[in-house]
Amino acid sequence: MDTLQHILTNPAYHDYLAILKGARNGFVYGVKVRFPHAVVMSILFGRGDWQTRLQNIYRATRQHAFNLAKFVTLYKTFLLIQRKANGGKERSSDTFIAGLLGGYVVFGDRNAVNEQIVLYVVSRVISSFLPRAGTSASPKSTTGSTVKPIPPDSRYFTAFAALSWGAVMWLFRHRGETIQPGMFNSMTYLYRDSETWTNLRTLLWHNK
């Protein structure tokens, strides 16, 4: 046990153990995020019997968890390789290159889970360009471990929200085939299914 504790606390092994823990955290976070989402979506929009739905929940949760674990592993590995190649110093471009390669390998395969994750990331990247509250421009971070997120300026966020909803509602009505399937199903439930009912039961209690 003393030998193991020595390895765990030895700075010489820190970067390698950080890759291992990153994989662990990626897997756990993937399960926490995907499982409840998959359960809700299966209840609301799932097709087939419950055995089929449970299999779909398991597959989606497993894929999300393993993909996050693989991405964190590759990202940290690519960062370490670049840092060692640069004499132990991290360059500004290293994170982009590591994310680029990891994203290509793990999330480049187009499927439902990857598409949802990528669209989630894209929305955050786009919104990051909104000016932050209390600043004239987006602040430049120097150390990732000490930076604290600053919410967007409320004026710009209001315009951003209005344009986003205006655009997605237009797309839903006129170019629905371009909307991500999960969001399309949600919007169908909210805006189209609410247009039809046959009695009090399908008006207030059951959708159909």
N, C-alpha and C. Protein backbone atom coordinates (compact mmCIF):
# COMPACT_ATOMS: atom_id res chain seq x y z
N MET A 1 0.82 -1.21 0.00
CA MET A 1 0.00 0.00 0.00
C MET A 1 0.85 1.26 0.00
N ASP A 2 1.99 1.21 0.70
CA ASP A 2 2.88 2.38 0.72
C ASP A 2 3.42 2.67 -0.67
N THR A 3 3.72 1.60 -1.40
CA THR A 3 4.23 1.77 -2.76
C THR A 3 3.18 2.40 -3.65
N LEU A 4 1.93 1.93 -3.51
CA LEU A 4 0.84 2.50 -4.30
C LEU A 4 0.62 3.96 -3.96
N GLN A 5 0.63 4.27 -2.68
CA GLN A 5 0.44 5.66 -2.25
C GLN A 5 1.57 6.55 -2.77
N HIS A 6 2.76 6.00 -2.81
CA HIS A 6 3.91 6.75 -3.33
C HIS A 6 3.70 7.08 -4.80
N ILE A 7 3.20 6.10 -5.56
CA ILE A 7 2.95 6.33 -6.99
C ILE A 7 1.85 7.38 -7.18
N LEU A 8 0.79 7.27 -6.38
CA LEU A 8 -0.35 8.18 -6.52
C LEU A 8 0.02 9.62 -6.21
N THR A 9 0.96 9.83 -5.32
CA THR A 9 1.32 11.19 -4.89
C THR A 9 2.63 11.67 -5.51
N ASN A 10 3.24 10.84 -6.32
CA ASN A 10 4.52 11.22 -6.95
C ASN A 10 4.24 12.13 -8.15
N PRO A 11 4.79 13.34 -8.16
CA PRO A 11 4.56 14.27 -9.28
C PRO A 11 5.00 13.71 -10.63
N ALA A 12 5.93 12.77 -10.61
CA ALA A 12 6.42 12.20 -11.87
C ALA A 12 5.33 11.43 -12.60
N TYR A 13 4.35 10.92 -11.85
CA TYR A 13 3.26 10.14 -12.46
C TYR A 13 1.97 10.94 -12.60
N HIS A 14 1.99 12.19 -12.20
CA HIS A 14 0.75 12.97 -12.15
C HIS A 14 0.06 13.04 -13.50
N ASP A 15 0.79 13.39 -14.55
CA ASP A 15 0.16 13.58 -15.86
C ASP A 15 -0.47 12.30 -16.38
N TYR A 16 0.14 11.18 -16.08
CA TYR A 16 -0.40 9.89 -16.56
C TYR A 16 -1.62 9.48 -15.75
N LEU A 17 -1.57 9.70 -14.45
CA LEU A 17 -2.72 9.38 -13.62
C LEU A 17 -3.89 10.33 -13.90
N ALA A 18 -3.57 11.57 -14.31
CA ALA A 18 -4.62 12.52 -14.67
C ALA A 18 -5.40 12.04 -15.89
N ILE A 19 -4.72 11.34 -16.80
CA ILE A 19 -5.41 10.76 -17.96
C ILE A 19 -6.37 9.67 -17.50
N LEU A 20 -5.90 8.84 -16.56
CA LEU A 20 -6.75 7.77 -16.03
C LEU A 20 -7.98 8.33 -15.32
N LYS A 21 -7.77 9.33 -14.47
CA LYS A 21 -8.91 9.90 -13.76
C LYS A 21 -9.83 10.66 -14.71
N GLY A 22 -9.26 11.27 -15.74
CA GLY A 22 -10.09 11.94 -16.74
C GLY A 22 -11.02 10.97 -17.43
N ALA A 23 -10.50 9.78 -17.76
CA ALA A 23 -11.34 8.75 -18.38
C ALA A 23 -12.45 8.33 -17.42
N ARG A 24 -12.09 8.16 -16.14
CA ARG A 24 -13.08 7.79 -15.14
C ARG A 24 -14.17 8.85 -15.03
N ASN A 25 -13.77 10.11 -14.92
CA ASN A 25 -14.75 11.19 -14.78
C ASN A 25 -15.61 11.33 -16.04
N GLY A 26 -15.01 11.13 -17.20
CA GLY A 26 -15.78 11.20 -18.44
C GLY A 26 -16.86 10.14 -18.48
N PHE A 27 -16.51 8.92 -18.05
CA PHE A 27 -17.48 7.83 -18.05
C PHE A 27 -18.62 8.11 -17.07
N VAL A 28 -18.26 8.51 -15.85
CA VAL A 28 -19.28 8.77 -14.83
C VAL A 28 -20.19 9.91 -15.25
N TYR A 29 -19.61 11.00 -15.77
CA TYR A 29 -20.42 12.14 -16.18
C TYR A 29 -21.35 11.76 -17.33
N GLY A 30 -20.84 10.95 -18.26
CA GLY A 30 -21.67 10.51 -19.38
C GLY A 30 -22.89 9.74 -18.91
N VAL A 31 -22.70 8.86 -17.92
CA VAL A 31 -23.83 8.10 -17.37
C VAL A 31 -24.82 9.04 -16.69
N LYS A 32 -24.31 9.97 -15.88
CA LYS A 32 -25.18 10.89 -15.15
C LYS A 32 -26.01 11.76 -16.09
N VAL A 33 -25.41 12.18 -17.18
CA VAL A 33 -26.10 13.08 -18.12
C VAL A 33 -27.06 12.31 -19.02
N ARG A 34 -26.58 11.20 -19.59
CA ARG A 34 -27.36 10.51 -20.62
C ARG A 34 -28.49 9.66 -20.06
N PHE A 35 -28.25 8.95 -18.94
CA PHE A 35 -29.26 8.00 -18.45
C PHE A 35 -30.62 8.66 -18.19
N PRO A 36 -30.69 9.73 -17.37
CA PRO A 36 -32.01 10.33 -17.14
C PRO A 36 -32.61 10.90 -18.42
N HIS A 37 -31.76 11.46 -19.29
CA HIS A 37 -32.27 12.00 -20.56
C HIS A 37 -32.86 10.88 -21.42
N ALA A 38 -32.15 9.75 -21.49
CA ALA A 38 -32.63 8.64 -22.30
C ALA A 38 -33.93 8.07 -21.75
N VAL A 39 -34.05 8.03 -20.42
CA VAL A 39 -35.27 7.52 -19.80
C VAL A 39 -36.46 8.41 -20.15
N VAL A 40 -36.28 9.72 -20.00
CA VAL A 40 -37.37 10.66 -20.29
C VAL A 40 -37.76 10.59 -21.76
N MET A 41 -36.77 10.60 -22.66
CA MET A 41 -37.07 10.56 -24.09
C MET A 41 -37.73 9.24 -24.47
N SER A 42 -37.36 8.16 -23.81
CA SER A 42 -37.98 6.87 -24.10
C SER A 42 -39.44 6.85 -23.68
N ILE A 43 -39.73 7.47 -22.54
CA ILE A 43 -41.11 7.53 -22.06
C ILE A 43 -41.96 8.40 -22.98
N LEU A 44 -41.42 9.56 -23.38
CA LEU A 44 -42.20 10.50 -24.18
C LEU A 44 -42.31 10.10 -25.64
N PHE A 45 -41.19 9.65 -26.22
CA PHE A 45 -41.18 9.44 -27.67
C PHE A 45 -40.75 8.03 -28.09
N GLY A 46 -40.49 7.15 -27.11
CA GLY A 46 -40.00 5.82 -27.45
C GLY A 46 -41.02 4.98 -28.19
N ARG A 47 -40.51 4.09 -29.02
CA ARG A 47 -41.36 3.18 -29.77
C ARG A 47 -41.01 1.74 -29.40
N GLY A 48 -41.98 0.85 -29.56
CA GLY A 48 -41.74 -0.54 -29.25
C GLY A 48 -42.08 -0.87 -27.81
N ASP A 49 -41.86 -2.13 -27.44
CA ASP A 49 -42.18 -2.55 -26.08
C ASP A 49 -41.10 -2.04 -25.13
N TRP A 50 -41.30 -2.32 -23.83
CA TRP A 50 -40.38 -1.78 -22.82
C TRP A 50 -39.01 -2.43 -22.87
N GLN A 51 -38.96 -3.68 -23.33
CA GLN A 51 -37.65 -4.32 -23.47
C GLN A 51 -36.81 -3.59 -24.51
N THR A 52 -37.45 -3.22 -25.62
CA THR A 52 -36.75 -2.48 -26.67
C THR A 52 -36.32 -1.11 -26.16
N ARG A 53 -37.18 -0.46 -25.41
CA ARG A 53 -36.85 0.85 -24.89
C ARG A 53 -35.69 0.78 -23.90
N LEU A 54 -35.69 -0.23 -23.05
CA LEU A 54 -34.60 -0.40 -22.09
C LEU A 54 -33.28 -0.66 -22.80
N GLN A 55 -33.32 -1.41 -23.89
CA GLN A 55 -32.11 -1.65 -24.67
C GLN A 55 -31.59 -0.36 -25.29
N ASN A 56 -32.52 0.48 -25.75
CA ASN A 56 -32.11 1.77 -26.34
C ASN A 56 -31.51 2.68 -25.28
N ILE A 57 -32.09 2.68 -24.08
CA ILE A 57 -31.56 3.48 -22.98
C ILE A 57 -30.14 3.03 -22.64
N TYR A 58 -29.95 1.71 -22.56
CA TYR A 58 -28.63 1.17 -22.24
C TYR A 58 -27.62 1.54 -23.31
N ARG A 59 -27.99 1.38 -24.59
CA ARG A 59 -27.05 1.67 -25.68
C ARG A 59 -26.66 3.14 -25.70
N ALA A 60 -27.65 4.03 -25.54
CA ALA A 60 -27.37 5.47 -25.56
C ALA A 60 -26.49 5.87 -24.38
N THR A 61 -26.80 5.33 -23.20
CA THR A 61 -26.01 5.65 -22.01
C THR A 61 -24.59 5.12 -22.15
N ARG A 62 -24.45 3.92 -22.62
CA ARG A 62 -23.13 3.31 -22.79
C ARG A 62 -22.29 4.10 -23.80
N GLN A 63 -22.92 4.47 -24.92
CA GLN A 63 -22.17 5.20 -25.95
C GLN A 63 -21.74 6.57 -25.46
N HIS A 64 -22.63 7.28 -24.79
CA HIS A 64 -22.31 8.61 -24.28
C HIS A 64 -21.17 8.51 -23.26
N ALA A 65 -21.27 7.56 -22.34
CA ALA A 65 -20.26 7.43 -21.29
C ALA A 65 -18.90 7.06 -21.86
N PHE A 66 -18.86 6.07 -22.75
CA PHE A 66 -17.58 5.64 -23.31
C PHE A 66 -16.99 6.70 -24.23
N ASN A 67 -17.84 7.41 -24.96
CA ASN A 67 -17.32 8.46 -25.85
C ASN A 67 -16.69 9.59 -25.06
N LEU A 68 -17.32 10.00 -23.97
CA LEU A 68 -16.72 11.04 -23.14
C LEU A 68 -15.41 10.55 -22.52
N ALA A 69 -15.41 9.30 -22.06
CA ALA A 69 -14.20 8.74 -21.48
C ALA A 69 -13.08 8.70 -22.52
N LYS A 70 -13.40 8.28 -23.73
CA LYS A 70 -12.38 8.22 -24.80
C LYS A 70 -11.89 9.61 -25.17
N PHE A 71 -12.83 10.57 -25.24
CA PHE A 71 -12.41 11.92 -25.63
C PHE A 71 -11.47 12.52 -24.60
N VAL A 72 -11.84 12.43 -23.31
CA VAL A 72 -10.98 12.99 -22.26
C VAL A 72 -9.60 12.33 -22.29
N THR A 73 -9.59 11.01 -22.49
CA THR A 73 -8.32 10.28 -22.56
C THR A 73 -7.46 10.78 -23.71
N LEU A 74 -8.04 10.89 -24.89
CA LEU A 74 -7.28 11.34 -26.06
C LEU A 74 -6.86 12.80 -25.91
N TYR A 75 -7.77 13.64 -25.42
CA TYR A 75 -7.46 15.06 -25.26
C TYR A 75 -6.27 15.25 -24.33
N LYS A 76 -6.30 14.62 -23.18
CA LYS A 76 -5.20 14.76 -22.22
C LYS A 76 -3.91 14.13 -22.76
N THR A 77 -4.04 13.03 -23.50
CA THR A 77 -2.87 12.39 -24.08
C THR A 77 -2.21 13.28 -25.14
N PHE A 78 -3.03 13.85 -26.01
CA PHE A 78 -2.49 14.75 -27.04
C PHE A 78 -1.86 15.99 -26.42
N LEU A 79 -2.47 16.51 -25.36
CA LEU A 79 -1.88 17.65 -24.66
C LEU A 79 -0.51 17.29 -24.09
N LEU A 80 -0.42 16.12 -23.49
CA LEU A 80 0.84 15.68 -22.88
C LEU A 80 1.92 15.49 -23.94
N ILE A 81 1.56 14.90 -25.06
CA ILE A 81 2.52 14.69 -26.15
C ILE A 81 3.05 16.02 -26.66
N GLN A 82 2.15 16.96 -26.87
CA GLN A 82 2.58 18.28 -27.37
C GLN A 82 3.45 19.00 -26.35
N ARG A 83 3.08 18.90 -25.09
CA ARG A 83 3.85 19.58 -24.05
C ARG A 83 5.26 19.00 -23.94
N LYS A 84 5.37 17.69 -24.03
CA LYS A 84 6.69 17.06 -23.98
C LYS A 84 7.52 17.41 -25.20
N ALA A 85 6.85 17.52 -26.35
CA ALA A 85 7.57 17.88 -27.57
C ALA A 85 8.03 19.33 -27.56
N ASN A 86 7.42 20.13 -26.69
CA ASN A 86 7.76 21.55 -26.61
C ASN A 86 8.54 21.86 -25.33
N GLY A 87 9.27 20.88 -24.83
CA GLY A 87 10.11 21.12 -23.67
C GLY A 87 9.34 21.31 -22.37
N GLY A 88 8.16 20.74 -22.26
CA GLY A 88 7.39 20.84 -21.03
C GLY A 88 6.51 22.07 -20.94
N LYS A 89 6.47 22.87 -22.00
CA LYS A 89 5.66 24.08 -22.00
C LYS A 89 4.43 23.89 -22.88
N GLU A 90 3.29 24.39 -22.40
CA GLU A 90 2.05 24.30 -23.18
C GLU A 90 1.84 25.57 -23.98
N ARG A 91 1.59 25.41 -25.28
CA ARG A 91 1.32 26.55 -26.15
C ARG A 91 -0.19 26.80 -26.22
N SER A 92 -0.55 27.99 -26.63
CA SER A 92 -1.97 28.35 -26.71
C SER A 92 -2.73 27.44 -27.66
N SER A 93 -2.07 27.02 -28.73
CA SER A 93 -2.75 26.20 -29.74
C SER A 93 -2.88 24.74 -29.35
N ASP A 94 -2.19 24.32 -28.30
CA ASP A 94 -2.20 22.90 -27.93
C ASP A 94 -3.60 22.40 -27.61
N THR A 95 -4.38 23.19 -26.86
CA THR A 95 -5.72 22.75 -26.49
C THR A 95 -6.61 22.59 -27.72
N PHE A 96 -6.47 23.53 -28.68
CA PHE A 96 -7.27 23.44 -29.90
C PHE A 96 -6.91 22.19 -30.70
N ILE A 97 -5.62 21.95 -30.85
CA ILE A 97 -5.17 20.79 -31.62
C ILE A 97 -5.62 19.50 -30.95
N ALA A 98 -5.46 19.41 -29.62
CA ALA A 98 -5.86 18.21 -28.89
C ALA A 98 -7.37 17.99 -29.01
N GLY A 99 -8.15 19.07 -28.87
CA GLY A 99 -9.60 18.96 -29.02
C GLY A 99 -10.01 18.59 -30.43
N LEU A 100 -9.30 19.16 -31.40
CA LEU A 100 -9.58 18.87 -32.82
C LEU A 100 -9.38 17.39 -33.12
N LEU A 101 -8.23 16.85 -32.69
CA LEU A 101 -7.93 15.44 -32.96
C LEU A 101 -8.88 14.52 -32.19
N GLY A 102 -9.12 14.84 -30.92
CA GLY A 102 -10.03 14.02 -30.13
C GLY A 102 -11.44 14.05 -30.68
N GLY A 103 -11.89 15.23 -31.08
CA GLY A 103 -13.23 15.36 -31.65
C GLY A 103 -13.39 14.58 -32.94
N TYR A 104 -12.33 14.60 -33.77
CA TYR A 104 -12.38 13.86 -35.04
C TYR A 104 -12.47 12.36 -34.80
N VAL A 105 -11.64 11.87 -33.88
CA VAL A 105 -11.59 10.42 -33.62
C VAL A 105 -12.86 9.93 -32.93
N VAL A 106 -13.32 10.66 -31.92
CA VAL A 106 -14.43 10.16 -31.09
C VAL A 106 -15.79 10.57 -31.62
N PHE A 107 -15.93 11.84 -31.99
CA PHE A 107 -17.25 12.36 -32.34
C PHE A 107 -17.45 12.56 -33.84
N GLY A 108 -16.47 12.15 -34.64
CA GLY A 108 -16.59 12.31 -36.09
C GLY A 108 -17.60 11.38 -36.72
N ASP A 109 -17.92 10.28 -36.04
CA ASP A 109 -18.91 9.33 -36.54
C ASP A 109 -20.29 9.88 -36.28
N ARG A 110 -21.07 10.09 -37.33
CA ARG A 110 -22.37 10.70 -37.18
C ARG A 110 -23.39 9.68 -36.69
N ASN A 111 -23.87 9.89 -35.47
CA ASN A 111 -24.97 9.10 -34.92
C ASN A 111 -25.75 10.00 -33.98
N ALA A 112 -26.85 9.51 -33.46
CA ALA A 112 -27.76 10.36 -32.68
C ALA A 112 -27.08 10.95 -31.45
N VAL A 113 -26.34 10.11 -30.71
CA VAL A 113 -25.71 10.58 -29.48
C VAL A 113 -24.62 11.61 -29.80
N ASN A 114 -23.76 11.29 -30.76
CA ASN A 114 -22.69 12.23 -31.12
C ASN A 114 -23.25 13.54 -31.64
N GLU A 115 -24.32 13.46 -32.42
CA GLU A 115 -24.91 14.68 -32.97
C GLU A 115 -25.42 15.59 -31.84
N GLN A 116 -26.06 15.01 -30.85
CA GLN A 116 -26.55 15.81 -29.73
C GLN A 116 -25.42 16.46 -28.95
N ILE A 117 -24.35 15.69 -28.73
CA ILE A 117 -23.21 16.22 -27.98
C ILE A 117 -22.55 17.36 -28.75
N VAL A 118 -22.32 17.15 -30.04
CA VAL A 118 -21.67 18.16 -30.87
C VAL A 118 -22.51 19.43 -30.95
N LEU A 119 -23.82 19.29 -31.12
CA LEU A 119 -24.69 20.47 -31.17
C LEU A 119 -24.69 21.21 -29.84
N TYR A 120 -24.62 20.47 -28.74
CA TYR A 120 -24.52 21.09 -27.41
C TYR A 120 -23.24 21.92 -27.33
N VAL A 121 -22.14 21.34 -27.80
CA VAL A 121 -20.86 22.06 -27.76
C VAL A 121 -20.89 23.28 -28.67
N VAL A 122 -21.45 23.11 -29.87
CA VAL A 122 -21.51 24.22 -30.82
C VAL A 122 -22.27 25.41 -30.23
N SER A 123 -23.39 25.13 -29.57
CA SER A 123 -24.19 26.22 -29.00
C SER A 123 -23.40 26.99 -27.95
N ARG A 124 -22.58 26.26 -27.18
CA ARG A 124 -21.76 26.92 -26.16
C ARG A 124 -20.63 27.72 -26.78
N VAL A 125 -20.06 27.20 -27.86
CA VAL A 125 -18.99 27.93 -28.55
C VAL A 125 -19.52 29.23 -29.13
N ILE A 126 -20.68 29.15 -29.78
CA ILE A 126 -21.27 30.35 -30.38
C ILE A 126 -21.62 31.38 -29.32
N SER A 127 -22.26 30.93 -28.24
CA SER A 127 -22.66 31.87 -27.19
C SER A 127 -21.47 32.47 -26.46
N SER A 128 -20.30 31.83 -26.55
CA SER A 128 -19.11 32.37 -25.88
C SER A 128 -18.65 33.69 -26.50
N PHE A 129 -19.09 33.95 -27.73
CA PHE A 129 -18.70 35.19 -28.40
C PHE A 129 -19.56 36.39 -27.99
N LEU A 130 -20.63 36.13 -27.22
CA LEU A 130 -21.42 37.24 -26.71
C LEU A 130 -20.59 38.02 -25.69
N PRO A 131 -20.64 39.34 -25.72
CA PRO A 131 -19.93 40.12 -24.70
C PRO A 131 -20.38 39.73 -23.31
N ARG A 132 -19.44 39.68 -22.38
CA ARG A 132 -19.76 39.28 -21.02
C ARG A 132 -20.30 40.45 -20.20
N ALA A 133 -21.08 40.15 -19.20
CA ALA A 133 -21.65 41.17 -18.32
C ALA A 133 -20.54 41.91 -17.59
N GLY A 134 -20.63 43.23 -17.59
CA GLY A 134 -19.67 44.05 -16.85
C GLY A 134 -18.35 44.23 -17.54
N THR A 135 -18.22 43.77 -18.78
CA THR A 135 -16.97 43.94 -19.52
C THR A 135 -17.27 44.50 -20.90
N SER A 136 -16.33 45.22 -21.44
CA SER A 136 -16.50 45.78 -22.78
C SER A 136 -16.18 44.75 -23.85
N ALA A 137 -15.44 43.73 -23.48
CA ALA A 137 -15.10 42.65 -24.40
C ALA A 137 -14.90 41.39 -23.59
N SER A 138 -14.88 40.27 -24.28
CA SER A 138 -14.70 39.01 -23.56
C SER A 138 -13.33 38.99 -22.90
N PRO A 139 -13.26 38.69 -21.60
CA PRO A 139 -11.98 38.69 -20.91
C PRO A 139 -11.08 37.57 -21.40
N LYS A 140 -9.77 37.81 -21.36
CA LYS A 140 -8.82 36.82 -21.79
C LYS A 140 -8.33 36.04 -20.59
N SER A 141 -8.55 34.74 -20.61
CA SER A 141 -8.15 33.91 -19.49
C SER A 141 -6.69 33.48 -19.66
N THR A 142 -5.97 33.44 -18.57
CA THR A 142 -4.58 33.01 -18.61
C THR A 142 -4.38 31.65 -17.98
N THR A 143 -5.17 31.32 -16.98
CA THR A 143 -5.05 30.04 -16.30
C THR A 143 -6.42 29.40 -16.19
N GLY A 144 -6.59 28.24 -16.86
CA GLY A 144 -7.90 27.60 -16.88
C GLY A 144 -8.41 27.21 -15.52
N SER A 145 -7.51 26.91 -14.58
CA SER A 145 -7.96 26.44 -13.27
C SER A 145 -8.45 27.56 -12.38
N THR A 146 -8.15 28.82 -12.71
CA THR A 146 -8.56 29.94 -11.86
C THR A 146 -9.66 30.79 -12.47
N VAL A 147 -9.93 30.62 -13.75
CA VAL A 147 -10.94 31.46 -14.40
C VAL A 147 -12.34 31.09 -13.91
N LYS A 148 -13.21 32.08 -13.79
CA LYS A 148 -14.59 31.86 -13.42
C LYS A 148 -15.50 32.37 -14.53
N PRO A 149 -16.49 31.57 -14.92
CA PRO A 149 -17.38 32.00 -16.01
C PRO A 149 -18.10 33.29 -15.67
N ILE A 150 -18.22 34.16 -16.66
CA ILE A 150 -18.96 35.42 -16.52
C ILE A 150 -20.18 35.33 -17.43
N PRO A 151 -21.37 35.57 -16.92
CA PRO A 151 -22.58 35.46 -17.76
C PRO A 151 -22.58 36.51 -18.87
N PRO A 152 -23.27 36.25 -19.97
CA PRO A 152 -23.34 37.22 -21.05
C PRO A 152 -24.03 38.51 -20.61
N ASP A 153 -23.69 39.59 -21.25
CA ASP A 153 -24.38 40.85 -21.05
C ASP A 153 -25.86 40.64 -21.38
N SER A 154 -26.74 41.05 -20.50
CA SER A 154 -28.17 40.76 -20.65
C SER A 154 -28.75 41.35 -21.93
N ARG A 155 -28.24 42.50 -22.36
CA ARG A 155 -28.77 43.12 -23.58
C ARG A 155 -28.47 42.27 -24.81
N TYR A 156 -27.21 41.79 -24.90
CA TYR A 156 -26.85 40.96 -26.04
C TYR A 156 -27.52 39.59 -25.96
N PHE A 157 -27.67 39.07 -24.73
CA PHE A 157 -28.31 37.77 -24.58
C PHE A 157 -29.77 37.83 -25.01
N THR A 158 -30.44 38.94 -24.72
CA THR A 158 -31.84 39.09 -25.13
C THR A 158 -31.97 39.01 -26.64
N ALA A 159 -31.10 39.71 -27.35
CA ALA A 159 -31.12 39.67 -28.82
C ALA A 159 -30.76 38.28 -29.33
N PHE A 160 -29.78 37.66 -28.69
CA PHE A 160 -29.34 36.31 -29.07
C PHE A 160 -30.48 35.31 -28.89
N ALA A 161 -31.19 35.40 -27.76
CA ALA A 161 -32.30 34.49 -27.49
C ALA A 161 -33.43 34.69 -28.50
N ALA A 162 -33.75 35.95 -28.77
CA ALA A 162 -34.84 36.24 -29.71
C ALA A 162 -34.52 35.73 -31.11
N LEU A 163 -33.29 35.97 -31.58
CA LEU A 163 -32.89 35.51 -32.90
C LEU A 163 -32.86 33.99 -32.97
N SER A 164 -32.40 33.34 -31.90
CA SER A 164 -32.32 31.89 -31.88
C SER A 164 -33.71 31.27 -31.99
N TRP A 165 -34.66 31.79 -31.19
CA TRP A 165 -36.00 31.23 -31.21
C TRP A 165 -36.74 31.58 -32.50
N GLY A 166 -36.52 32.78 -32.99
CA GLY A 166 -37.14 33.13 -34.26
C GLY A 166 -36.65 32.22 -35.38
N ALA A 167 -35.34 31.96 -35.39
CA ALA A 167 -34.76 31.13 -36.44
C ALA A 167 -35.23 29.68 -36.34
N VAL A 168 -35.24 29.12 -35.13
CA VAL A 168 -35.59 27.71 -35.00
C VAL A 168 -37.07 27.49 -35.29
N MET A 169 -37.93 28.45 -34.96
CA MET A 169 -39.35 28.29 -35.26
C MET A 169 -39.60 28.38 -36.76
N TRP A 170 -38.85 29.25 -37.44
CA TRP A 170 -38.97 29.34 -38.90
C TRP A 170 -38.49 28.04 -39.53
N LEU A 171 -37.36 27.54 -39.04
CA LEU A 171 -36.83 26.28 -39.57
C LEU A 171 -37.82 25.14 -39.35
N PHE A 172 -38.42 25.09 -38.18
CA PHE A 172 -39.36 24.02 -37.87
C PHE A 172 -40.54 24.03 -38.82
N ARG A 173 -41.01 25.21 -39.15
CA ARG A 173 -42.18 25.31 -40.04
C ARG A 173 -41.81 25.10 -41.51
N HIS A 174 -40.67 25.63 -41.92
CA HIS A 174 -40.36 25.66 -43.36
C HIS A 174 -39.23 24.72 -43.78
N ARG A 175 -38.36 24.35 -42.84
CA ARG A 175 -37.24 23.47 -43.19
C ARG A 175 -37.00 22.47 -42.06
N GLY A 176 -38.07 21.80 -41.67
CA GLY A 176 -38.01 20.88 -40.55
C GLY A 176 -37.01 19.76 -40.72
N GLU A 177 -36.72 19.39 -41.98
CA GLU A 177 -35.79 18.29 -42.21
C GLU A 177 -34.36 18.62 -41.80
N THR A 178 -34.08 19.90 -41.57
CA THR A 178 -32.72 20.29 -41.19
C THR A 178 -32.51 20.32 -39.68
N ILE A 179 -33.57 20.13 -38.89
CA ILE A 179 -33.46 20.20 -37.43
C ILE A 179 -33.05 18.85 -36.87
N GLN A 180 -32.23 18.88 -35.84
CA GLN A 180 -31.77 17.65 -35.19
C GLN A 180 -32.98 16.84 -34.72
N PRO A 181 -32.98 15.51 -34.95
CA PRO A 181 -34.17 14.69 -34.69
C PRO A 181 -34.74 14.81 -33.29
N GLY A 182 -33.89 14.82 -32.26
CA GLY A 182 -34.41 14.92 -30.91
C GLY A 182 -35.17 16.21 -30.68
N MET A 183 -34.61 17.31 -31.17
CA MET A 183 -35.28 18.60 -31.01
C MET A 183 -36.55 18.65 -31.87
N PHE A 184 -36.50 18.03 -33.05
CA PHE A 184 -37.67 18.00 -33.92
C PHE A 184 -38.83 17.27 -33.23
N ASN A 185 -38.53 16.14 -32.58
CA ASN A 185 -39.57 15.40 -31.86
C ASN A 185 -40.16 16.23 -30.73
N SER A 186 -39.29 16.94 -30.02
CA SER A 186 -39.76 17.79 -28.92
C SER A 186 -40.67 18.90 -29.44
N MET A 187 -40.26 19.51 -30.54
CA MET A 187 -41.04 20.61 -31.10
C MET A 187 -42.36 20.11 -31.68
N THR A 188 -42.33 18.93 -32.26
CA THR A 188 -43.57 18.34 -32.77
C THR A 188 -44.57 18.13 -31.64
N TYR A 189 -44.06 17.60 -30.52
CA TYR A 189 -44.91 17.37 -29.34
C TYR A 189 -45.50 18.68 -28.83
N LEU A 190 -44.70 19.74 -28.82
CA LEU A 190 -45.14 21.02 -28.26
C LEU A 190 -46.08 21.79 -29.20
N TYR A 191 -45.74 21.84 -30.48
CA TYR A 191 -46.42 22.78 -31.38
C TYR A 191 -47.38 22.14 -32.36
N ARG A 192 -47.14 20.90 -32.78
CA ARG A 192 -48.05 20.26 -33.73
C ARG A 192 -49.07 19.37 -33.04
N ASP A 193 -48.60 18.57 -32.09
CA ASP A 193 -49.55 17.69 -31.40
C ASP A 193 -50.58 18.48 -30.62
N SER A 194 -50.24 19.69 -30.20
CA SER A 194 -51.19 20.50 -29.43
C SER A 194 -52.28 21.11 -30.32
N GLU A 195 -52.22 20.84 -31.62
CA GLU A 195 -53.24 21.34 -32.54
C GLU A 195 -54.40 20.36 -32.70
N THR A 196 -54.23 19.14 -32.22
CA THR A 196 -55.27 18.12 -32.46
C THR A 196 -55.68 17.42 -31.17
N TRP A 197 -56.97 17.14 -31.05
CA TRP A 197 -57.55 16.35 -29.96
C TRP A 197 -58.93 15.90 -30.41
N THR A 198 -59.43 14.87 -29.75
CA THR A 198 -60.74 14.34 -30.13
C THR A 198 -61.76 14.43 -29.00
N ASN A 199 -61.28 14.54 -27.77
CA ASN A 199 -62.18 14.65 -26.63
C ASN A 199 -61.42 15.28 -25.47
N LEU A 200 -62.08 15.37 -24.31
CA LEU A 200 -61.45 15.99 -23.15
C LEU A 200 -60.21 15.22 -22.72
N ARG A 201 -60.24 13.90 -22.87
CA ARG A 201 -59.10 13.06 -22.47
C ARG A 201 -57.85 13.39 -23.29
N THR A 202 -58.00 13.51 -24.59
CA THR A 202 -56.82 13.81 -25.43
C THR A 202 -56.52 15.31 -25.49
N LEU A 203 -57.38 16.12 -24.86
CA LEU A 203 -57.08 17.55 -24.76
C LEU A 203 -56.19 17.83 -23.54
N LEU A 204 -56.48 17.16 -22.41
CA LEU A 204 -55.79 17.51 -21.18
C LEU A 204 -54.98 16.37 -20.55
N TRP A 205 -55.38 15.12 -20.76
CA TRP A 205 -54.71 14.03 -20.04
C TRP A 205 -53.70 13.30 -20.90
N HIS A 206 -54.08 12.84 -22.06
CA HIS A 206 -53.20 12.13 -22.97
C HIS A 206 -52.98 12.98 -24.23
N ASN A 207 -51.76 12.86 -24.77
CA ASN A 207 -51.49 13.61 -26.00
C ASN A 207 -52.30 13.06 -27.16
N LYS A 208 -52.34 11.74 -27.26
CA LYS A 208 -53.08 11.11 -28.37
C LYS A 208 -53.90 9.95 -27.82
